[in-house]
Protein backbone atom coordinates (compact mmCIF):
# COMPACT_ATOMS: atom_id res chain seq x y z
CA MET A 1 94.86 214.19 293.75
CA GLY A 2 92.42 211.32 293.18
CA ILE A 3 90.50 210.33 290.12
CA LEU A 4 87.75 212.83 289.31
CA LEU A 5 84.78 210.85 288.02
CA ASP A 6 81.13 211.77 288.17
CA VAL A 7 78.55 209.49 289.73
CA ILE A 8 75.80 208.71 287.23
CA GLN A 9 73.62 206.37 289.29
CA VAL A 10 73.26 205.27 292.92
CA GLN A 11 71.17 202.83 294.87
CA ALA A 12 71.13 202.63 298.65
CA GLN A 13 71.41 199.14 300.11
CA THR A 14 70.94 197.76 303.59
CA ASP A 15 73.69 198.22 306.19
CA TYR A 16 74.42 201.72 304.88
CA LYS A 17 76.00 200.58 301.64
CA LEU A 18 75.70 202.38 298.32
CA VAL A 19 75.99 200.77 294.91
CA ILE A 20 77.35 203.50 292.66
CA GLU A 21 77.88 203.65 288.91
CA PHE A 22 80.57 206.05 287.77
CA GLU A 23 80.92 207.71 284.39
CA ASN A 24 83.71 205.28 283.42
CA GLY A 25 81.15 202.44 283.60
CA GLU A 26 82.46 200.95 286.85
CA LEU A 27 79.97 199.77 289.42
CA ARG A 28 81.37 200.14 292.94
CA CYS A 29 80.22 199.55 296.52
CA PHE A 30 80.75 202.25 299.15
CA ASP A 31 80.21 201.57 302.85
CA MET A 32 78.69 204.62 304.55
CA SER A 33 78.56 203.01 308.02
CA PRO A 34 81.83 204.65 309.26
CA TYR A 35 80.29 208.06 308.49
CA MET A 36 76.85 207.57 310.02
CA ASP A 37 77.77 209.05 313.43
CA GLN A 38 79.34 212.15 311.86
CA LYS A 39 77.73 215.37 310.71
CA PRO A 40 75.90 215.75 308.41
CA TRP A 41 75.27 212.03 307.75
CA VAL A 42 74.02 211.33 311.30
CA LYS A 43 70.67 212.71 310.05
CA LEU A 44 70.45 209.66 307.77
CA LYS A 45 71.12 207.08 310.47
CA ASN A 46 68.12 204.83 311.20
CA SER A 47 66.10 206.94 308.80
CA PRO A 48 64.28 206.15 305.56
CA LEU A 49 66.06 209.22 304.17
CA PHE A 50 69.16 207.09 303.59
CA TYR A 51 67.24 205.20 300.89
CA ARG A 52 66.43 208.46 299.12
CA ALA A 53 70.00 208.79 297.85
CA SER A 54 70.12 210.27 294.37
CA VAL A 55 72.60 211.86 291.99
CA ASP A 56 73.02 215.59 291.51
CA TYR A 57 75.97 217.47 290.06
CA GLY A 58 77.97 214.25 289.71
CA THR A 59 77.78 213.06 293.30
CA VAL A 60 75.46 211.31 295.75
CA VAL A 61 73.02 213.57 297.57
CA TRP A 62 70.19 213.19 300.08
CA PRO A 63 67.32 215.48 301.08
CA GLY A 64 68.39 218.23 303.47
CA GLU A 65 71.41 219.31 301.41
CA ILE A 66 73.48 216.29 302.46
CA ASP A 67 76.12 214.99 300.06
CA ILE A 68 79.49 213.29 299.90
CA ASP A 69 82.55 214.01 297.79
CA PRO A 70 82.68 211.90 294.59
CA GLU A 71 86.44 211.42 294.94
CA THR A 72 85.89 209.88 298.37
CA LEU A 73 83.19 207.63 296.94
CA TYR A 74 85.50 206.38 294.21
CA GLU A 75 88.73 206.04 296.16
CA LEU A 76 87.22 204.29 299.19
CA SER A 77 84.80 202.01 297.37
CA GLU A 78 85.21 198.43 296.18
CA LEU A 79 84.86 197.44 292.55
CA ILE A 80 81.91 195.13 291.94
CA GLU A 81 82.94 192.25 289.70
CA PRO A 82 81.58 192.53 286.14
CA SER A 83 79.28 189.49 286.38
CA SER A 84 77.64 190.87 289.54
CA ALA A 85 77.52 194.35 288.02
CA ASP A 86 75.66 193.07 284.97
CA ALA A 87 73.16 191.21 287.17
CA PHE A 88 72.66 194.32 289.29
CA ARG A 89 72.02 196.52 286.26
CA GLN A 90 69.38 194.07 285.04
CA LYS A 91 67.57 194.27 288.38
CA LEU A 92 67.63 198.05 288.84
CA ASN A 93 63.99 199.03 289.19
CA GLY A 94 63.87 201.25 292.26
CA GLU A 95 63.74 198.49 294.89
CA HIS A 96 66.21 198.02 297.72
CA TYR A 97 68.27 194.86 297.49
CA ALA A 98 70.27 192.97 300.05
CA ASN A 99 74.03 193.31 300.07
CA SER A 100 74.50 190.60 297.48
CA TYR A 101 76.39 193.09 295.31
CA CYS A 102 78.58 194.52 298.06
CA HIS A 103 81.27 192.49 299.79
CA ARG A 104 81.43 192.76 303.53
């Protein structure tokens, strides 16, 4: 069984990436692109709905009752280095940023 941590904040980025803050304080990058042709996430592909990602019940959700398991988000995401994480937190103001915080 994986680590069970709640998501406390999310911001959708370009190229179907999510910057996610977990309850342990880690900021991580999750690439949604491998999921975008699968149900139910295909509804988010090429749609402004992807950028409406939010947090509910400890995981990432979208309108239309679309969500993704928080264990998957944690286990398959990349840790964002602390210096980049601090810069990202300072810039959080509801805008969409380029992938400068997520490695390719």
